Amino acid sequence: MSSDARFRPQVRLAEVGHLGMQKILAARFRVREQPGAWVEQAYLERAGGAVESVRGQGTTTPPQEPEFAHRTAFHYAAAEEIAGGSWRALRQLRQTLGILP
């Protein structure tokens, strides 16, 4: 595993640990072009994953994934974009770690 100090806080999380960090470092995440994709990509890269940008109709996760569930809670497009990108990145990380239902 990487000895990079920036990953130490993640490794301390019970949900991640050393094994989870190895999974993240080995993962190749796909980010589809859409509002908030830049946030999703930054989040995944800073977590330690390799990111592939997918143009057009590519998917970031399985097709059965619901749309951003909290979209209606945001009044401004910029806030919705940032929240949506973060939400999608977290879904991918949780899937990689095996902690999604």
N, C-alpha and C. Protein backbone atom coordinates (compact mmCIF):
# COMPACT_ATOMS: atom_id res chain seq x y z
N MET A 1 0.83 -1.18 0.00
CA MET A 1 0.00 0.00 0.00
C MET A 1 0.88 1.24 0.00
N SER A 2 0.35 2.30 -0.54
CA SER A 2 1.08 3.56 -0.58
C SER A 2 1.33 4.07 0.83
N SER A 3 2.52 4.60 1.05
CA SER A 3 2.83 5.18 2.36
C SER A 3 2.56 6.67 2.34
N ASP A 4 1.89 7.14 1.33
CA ASP A 4 1.58 8.55 1.16
C ASP A 4 0.80 9.05 2.38
N ALA A 5 1.31 10.08 3.01
CA ALA A 5 0.70 10.63 4.22
C ALA A 5 -0.72 11.14 3.99
N ARG A 6 -1.05 11.51 2.78
CA ARG A 6 -2.39 12.05 2.55
C ARG A 6 -3.48 11.01 2.71
N PHE A 7 -3.14 9.72 2.67
CA PHE A 7 -4.14 8.67 2.82
C PHE A 7 -4.29 8.18 4.26
N ARG A 8 -3.44 8.63 5.16
CA ARG A 8 -3.48 8.16 6.55
C ARG A 8 -4.84 8.37 7.21
N PRO A 9 -5.48 9.53 7.06
CA PRO A 9 -6.80 9.69 7.70
C PRO A 9 -7.83 8.68 7.18
N GLN A 10 -7.80 8.36 5.89
CA GLN A 10 -8.73 7.39 5.33
C GLN A 10 -8.48 6.00 5.90
N VAL A 11 -7.22 5.64 6.04
CA VAL A 11 -6.86 4.31 6.54
C VAL A 11 -7.37 4.14 7.96
N ARG A 12 -7.42 5.22 8.71
CA ARG A 12 -7.89 5.14 10.10
C ARG A 12 -9.40 4.91 10.22
N LEU A 13 -10.13 5.18 9.15
CA LEU A 13 -11.58 4.97 9.18
C LEU A 13 -11.88 3.48 9.21
N ALA A 14 -12.82 3.08 10.06
CA ALA A 14 -13.19 1.67 10.17
C ALA A 14 -13.70 1.12 8.83
N GLU A 15 -14.38 1.96 8.05
CA GLU A 15 -14.94 1.53 6.77
C GLU A 15 -13.86 1.30 5.71
N VAL A 16 -12.68 1.88 5.90
CA VAL A 16 -11.63 1.79 4.90
C VAL A 16 -10.52 0.85 5.38
N GLY A 17 -9.74 1.27 6.35
CA GLY A 17 -8.63 0.45 6.84
C GLY A 17 -7.59 0.22 5.75
N HIS A 18 -6.61 -0.62 6.04
CA HIS A 18 -5.53 -0.90 5.08
C HIS A 18 -6.05 -1.67 3.86
N LEU A 19 -6.91 -2.64 4.10
CA LEU A 19 -7.45 -3.44 3.00
C LEU A 19 -8.30 -2.58 2.06
N GLY A 20 -9.15 -1.74 2.63
CA GLY A 20 -9.98 -0.86 1.81
C GLY A 20 -9.15 0.13 1.02
N MET A 21 -8.08 0.64 1.63
CA MET A 21 -7.22 1.58 0.92
C MET A 21 -6.54 0.89 -0.25
N GLN A 22 -6.17 -0.36 -0.09
CA GLN A 22 -5.59 -1.12 -1.20
C GLN A 22 -6.60 -1.27 -2.33
N LYS A 23 -7.87 -1.50 -1.97
CA LYS A 23 -8.93 -1.62 -2.99
C LYS A 23 -9.10 -0.30 -3.74
N ILE A 24 -9.08 0.81 -3.02
CA ILE A 24 -9.25 2.12 -3.66
C ILE A 24 -8.07 2.41 -4.59
N LEU A 25 -6.86 2.15 -4.12
CA LEU A 25 -5.67 2.40 -4.94
C LEU A 25 -5.64 1.53 -6.19
N ALA A 26 -6.24 0.35 -6.13
CA ALA A 26 -6.26 -0.56 -7.28
C ALA A 26 -7.44 -0.29 -8.22
N ALA A 27 -8.42 0.49 -7.75
CA ALA A 27 -9.65 0.71 -8.52
C ALA A 27 -9.43 1.65 -9.70
N ARG A 28 -10.24 1.43 -10.73
CA ARG A 28 -10.32 2.34 -11.89
C ARG A 28 -11.77 2.81 -11.94
N PHE A 29 -11.97 4.05 -11.59
CA PHE A 29 -13.31 4.62 -11.55
C PHE A 29 -13.65 5.27 -12.88
N ARG A 30 -14.92 5.19 -13.25
CA ARG A 30 -15.41 5.82 -14.49
C ARG A 30 -16.31 6.99 -14.13
N VAL A 31 -16.04 8.11 -14.74
CA VAL A 31 -16.82 9.33 -14.50
C VAL A 31 -17.42 9.78 -15.82
N ARG A 32 -18.73 9.79 -15.88
CA ARG A 32 -19.46 10.19 -17.08
C ARG A 32 -19.56 11.71 -17.13
N GLU A 33 -19.46 12.27 -18.32
CA GLU A 33 -19.62 13.72 -18.50
C GLU A 33 -21.04 14.13 -18.14
N GLN A 34 -21.15 14.96 -17.13
CA GLN A 34 -22.44 15.48 -16.67
C GLN A 34 -22.14 16.58 -15.67
N PRO A 35 -23.14 17.35 -15.28
CA PRO A 35 -22.89 18.39 -14.28
C PRO A 35 -22.31 17.77 -13.01
N GLY A 36 -21.24 18.36 -12.52
CA GLY A 36 -20.60 17.87 -11.30
C GLY A 36 -19.54 16.80 -11.53
N ALA A 37 -19.29 16.44 -12.79
CA ALA A 37 -18.29 15.40 -13.07
C ALA A 37 -16.91 15.82 -12.56
N TRP A 38 -16.60 17.10 -12.65
CA TRP A 38 -15.29 17.58 -12.18
C TRP A 38 -15.14 17.36 -10.67
N VAL A 39 -16.24 17.50 -9.93
CA VAL A 39 -16.21 17.26 -8.48
C VAL A 39 -16.01 15.78 -8.21
N GLU A 40 -16.79 14.95 -8.93
CA GLU A 40 -16.69 13.50 -8.77
C GLU A 40 -15.27 13.03 -9.06
N GLN A 41 -14.68 13.53 -10.15
CA GLN A 41 -13.32 13.13 -10.52
C GLN A 41 -12.32 13.56 -9.46
N ALA A 42 -12.41 14.78 -9.00
CA ALA A 42 -11.47 15.27 -7.98
C ALA A 42 -11.58 14.46 -6.69
N TYR A 43 -12.80 14.17 -6.29
CA TYR A 43 -13.05 13.40 -5.07
C TYR A 43 -12.40 12.02 -5.18
N LEU A 44 -12.62 11.33 -6.30
CA LEU A 44 -12.08 9.99 -6.48
C LEU A 44 -10.56 9.98 -6.59
N GLU A 45 -10.01 10.96 -7.31
CA GLU A 45 -8.55 11.04 -7.43
C GLU A 45 -7.91 11.32 -6.08
N ARG A 46 -8.50 12.22 -5.31
CA ARG A 46 -7.93 12.56 -4.00
C ARG A 46 -8.09 11.43 -3.00
N ALA A 47 -9.05 10.53 -3.26
CA ALA A 47 -9.19 9.34 -2.42
C ALA A 47 -8.13 8.31 -2.76
N GLY A 48 -7.48 8.45 -3.93
CA GLY A 48 -6.41 7.54 -4.33
C GLY A 48 -6.72 6.68 -5.53
N GLY A 49 -7.90 6.84 -6.12
CA GLY A 49 -8.29 6.02 -7.26
C GLY A 49 -7.84 6.59 -8.59
N ALA A 50 -7.75 5.72 -9.58
CA ALA A 50 -7.48 6.14 -10.95
C ALA A 50 -8.83 6.41 -11.61
N VAL A 51 -8.91 7.51 -12.35
CA VAL A 51 -10.19 7.93 -12.92
C VAL A 51 -10.11 7.98 -14.44
N GLU A 52 -11.14 7.45 -15.06
CA GLU A 52 -11.28 7.49 -16.51
C GLU A 52 -12.53 8.30 -16.83
N SER A 53 -12.36 9.34 -17.62
CA SER A 53 -13.51 10.15 -18.05
C SER A 53 -14.17 9.47 -19.23
N VAL A 54 -15.48 9.38 -19.17
CA VAL A 54 -16.25 8.72 -20.23
C VAL A 54 -17.15 9.76 -20.88
N ARG A 55 -17.01 9.91 -22.18
CA ARG A 55 -17.85 10.87 -22.92
C ARG A 55 -19.16 10.22 -23.33
N GLY A 56 -20.15 11.05 -23.51
CA GLY A 56 -21.42 10.58 -24.04
C GLY A 56 -22.21 9.72 -23.09
N GLN A 57 -22.62 8.55 -23.55
CA GLN A 57 -23.54 7.71 -22.80
C GLN A 57 -22.87 6.71 -21.87
N GLY A 58 -21.61 6.90 -21.53
CA GLY A 58 -20.97 6.00 -20.58
C GLY A 58 -21.64 6.09 -19.23
N THR A 59 -21.40 5.12 -18.39
CA THR A 59 -22.00 5.15 -17.06
C THR A 59 -20.91 5.15 -16.01
N THR A 60 -21.20 5.72 -14.87
CA THR A 60 -20.26 5.73 -13.76
C THR A 60 -20.48 4.52 -12.88
N THR A 61 -21.68 4.00 -12.87
CA THR A 61 -22.04 2.87 -12.02
C THR A 61 -23.12 2.08 -12.74
N PRO A 62 -23.56 0.98 -12.18
CA PRO A 62 -24.58 0.17 -12.86
C PRO A 62 -25.83 0.99 -13.22
N PRO A 63 -26.52 0.61 -14.31
CA PRO A 63 -27.67 1.36 -14.78
C PRO A 63 -28.80 1.47 -13.77
N GLN A 64 -28.89 0.54 -12.82
CA GLN A 64 -29.98 0.60 -11.86
C GLN A 64 -29.77 1.68 -10.79
N GLU A 65 -28.64 2.36 -10.83
CA GLU A 65 -28.39 3.40 -9.84
C GLU A 65 -29.42 4.52 -9.96
N PRO A 66 -29.98 4.93 -8.83
CA PRO A 66 -30.95 6.02 -8.86
C PRO A 66 -30.28 7.35 -9.16
N GLU A 67 -31.06 8.28 -9.62
CA GLU A 67 -30.56 9.64 -9.80
C GLU A 67 -30.21 10.21 -8.43
N PHE A 68 -29.52 11.31 -8.43
CA PHE A 68 -29.13 11.99 -7.19
C PHE A 68 -30.38 12.24 -6.36
N ALA A 69 -30.51 11.53 -5.28
CA ALA A 69 -31.73 11.50 -4.48
C ALA A 69 -32.09 12.84 -3.82
N HIS A 70 -31.12 13.69 -3.60
CA HIS A 70 -31.35 14.93 -2.85
C HIS A 70 -31.41 16.17 -3.74
N ARG A 71 -31.57 15.95 -5.02
CA ARG A 71 -31.57 17.04 -6.00
C ARG A 71 -32.51 18.18 -5.62
N THR A 72 -33.70 17.85 -5.17
CA THR A 72 -34.71 18.88 -4.89
C THR A 72 -34.39 19.71 -3.65
N ALA A 73 -33.42 19.30 -2.87
CA ALA A 73 -33.05 20.05 -1.67
C ALA A 73 -32.21 21.29 -1.98
N PHE A 74 -31.76 21.42 -3.23
CA PHE A 74 -30.87 22.52 -3.58
C PHE A 74 -31.59 23.56 -4.43
N HIS A 75 -31.42 24.81 -4.06
CA HIS A 75 -32.06 25.92 -4.78
C HIS A 75 -31.20 26.44 -5.91
N TYR A 76 -29.90 26.24 -5.82
CA TYR A 76 -28.98 26.80 -6.81
C TYR A 76 -28.28 25.68 -7.57
N ALA A 77 -28.14 25.85 -8.87
CA ALA A 77 -27.55 24.83 -9.73
C ALA A 77 -26.12 24.49 -9.32
N ALA A 78 -25.34 25.49 -8.92
CA ALA A 78 -23.95 25.23 -8.54
C ALA A 78 -23.87 24.32 -7.31
N ALA A 79 -24.72 24.55 -6.33
CA ALA A 79 -24.74 23.71 -5.13
C ALA A 79 -25.19 22.29 -5.47
N GLU A 80 -26.19 22.17 -6.33
CA GLU A 80 -26.67 20.86 -6.76
C GLU A 80 -25.58 20.10 -7.52
N GLU A 81 -24.84 20.82 -8.37
CA GLU A 81 -23.76 20.21 -9.15
C GLU A 81 -22.68 19.64 -8.24
N ILE A 82 -22.27 20.41 -7.26
CA ILE A 82 -21.22 19.96 -6.34
C ILE A 82 -21.71 18.79 -5.49
N ALA A 83 -22.92 18.90 -4.98
CA ALA A 83 -23.47 17.83 -4.15
C ALA A 83 -23.66 16.55 -4.96
N GLY A 84 -24.14 16.67 -6.20
CA GLY A 84 -24.34 15.50 -7.05
C GLY A 84 -23.03 14.79 -7.37
N GLY A 85 -21.99 15.56 -7.68
CA GLY A 85 -20.68 14.96 -7.96
C GLY A 85 -20.12 14.25 -6.74
N SER A 86 -20.26 14.86 -5.58
CA SER A 86 -19.79 14.24 -4.34
C SER A 86 -20.55 12.96 -4.05
N TRP A 87 -21.86 13.00 -4.24
CA TRP A 87 -22.72 11.84 -3.97
C TRP A 87 -22.34 10.67 -4.88
N ARG A 88 -22.13 10.95 -6.16
CA ARG A 88 -21.75 9.88 -7.10
C ARG A 88 -20.38 9.30 -6.75
N ALA A 89 -19.44 10.15 -6.35
CA ALA A 89 -18.11 9.67 -5.96
C ALA A 89 -18.21 8.77 -4.73
N LEU A 90 -18.98 9.19 -3.76
CA LEU A 90 -19.14 8.38 -2.56
C LEU A 90 -19.79 7.04 -2.86
N ARG A 91 -20.74 7.02 -3.78
CA ARG A 91 -21.37 5.74 -4.17
C ARG A 91 -20.32 4.81 -4.78
N GLN A 92 -19.46 5.34 -5.63
CA GLN A 92 -18.43 4.50 -6.24
C GLN A 92 -17.43 3.99 -5.20
N LEU A 93 -17.04 4.85 -4.28
CA LEU A 93 -16.11 4.43 -3.22
C LEU A 93 -16.74 3.37 -2.34
N ARG A 94 -18.00 3.57 -1.97
CA ARG A 94 -18.68 2.58 -1.13
C ARG A 94 -18.85 1.25 -1.85
N GLN A 95 -19.11 1.28 -3.14
CA GLN A 95 -19.21 0.04 -3.91
C GLN A 95 -17.85 -0.68 -3.92
N THR A 96 -16.79 0.07 -4.11
CA THR A 96 -15.44 -0.50 -4.13
C THR A 96 -15.11 -1.15 -2.79
N LEU A 97 -15.56 -0.53 -1.72
CA LEU A 97 -15.28 -1.05 -0.37
C LEU A 97 -16.26 -2.14 0.04
N GLY A 98 -17.30 -2.35 -0.77
CA GLY A 98 -18.29 -3.38 -0.46
C GLY A 98 -19.23 -3.01 0.67
N ILE A 99 -19.52 -1.72 0.83
CA ILE A 99 -20.40 -1.32 1.94
C ILE A 99 -21.73 -0.72 1.46
N LEU A 100 -22.12 -1.07 0.23
CA LEU A 100 -23.45 -0.69 -0.25
C LEU A 100 -24.38 -1.90 -0.12
N PRO A 101 -25.67 -1.65 0.08
CA PRO A 101 -26.59 -2.77 0.17
C PRO A 101 -26.65 -3.58 -1.11
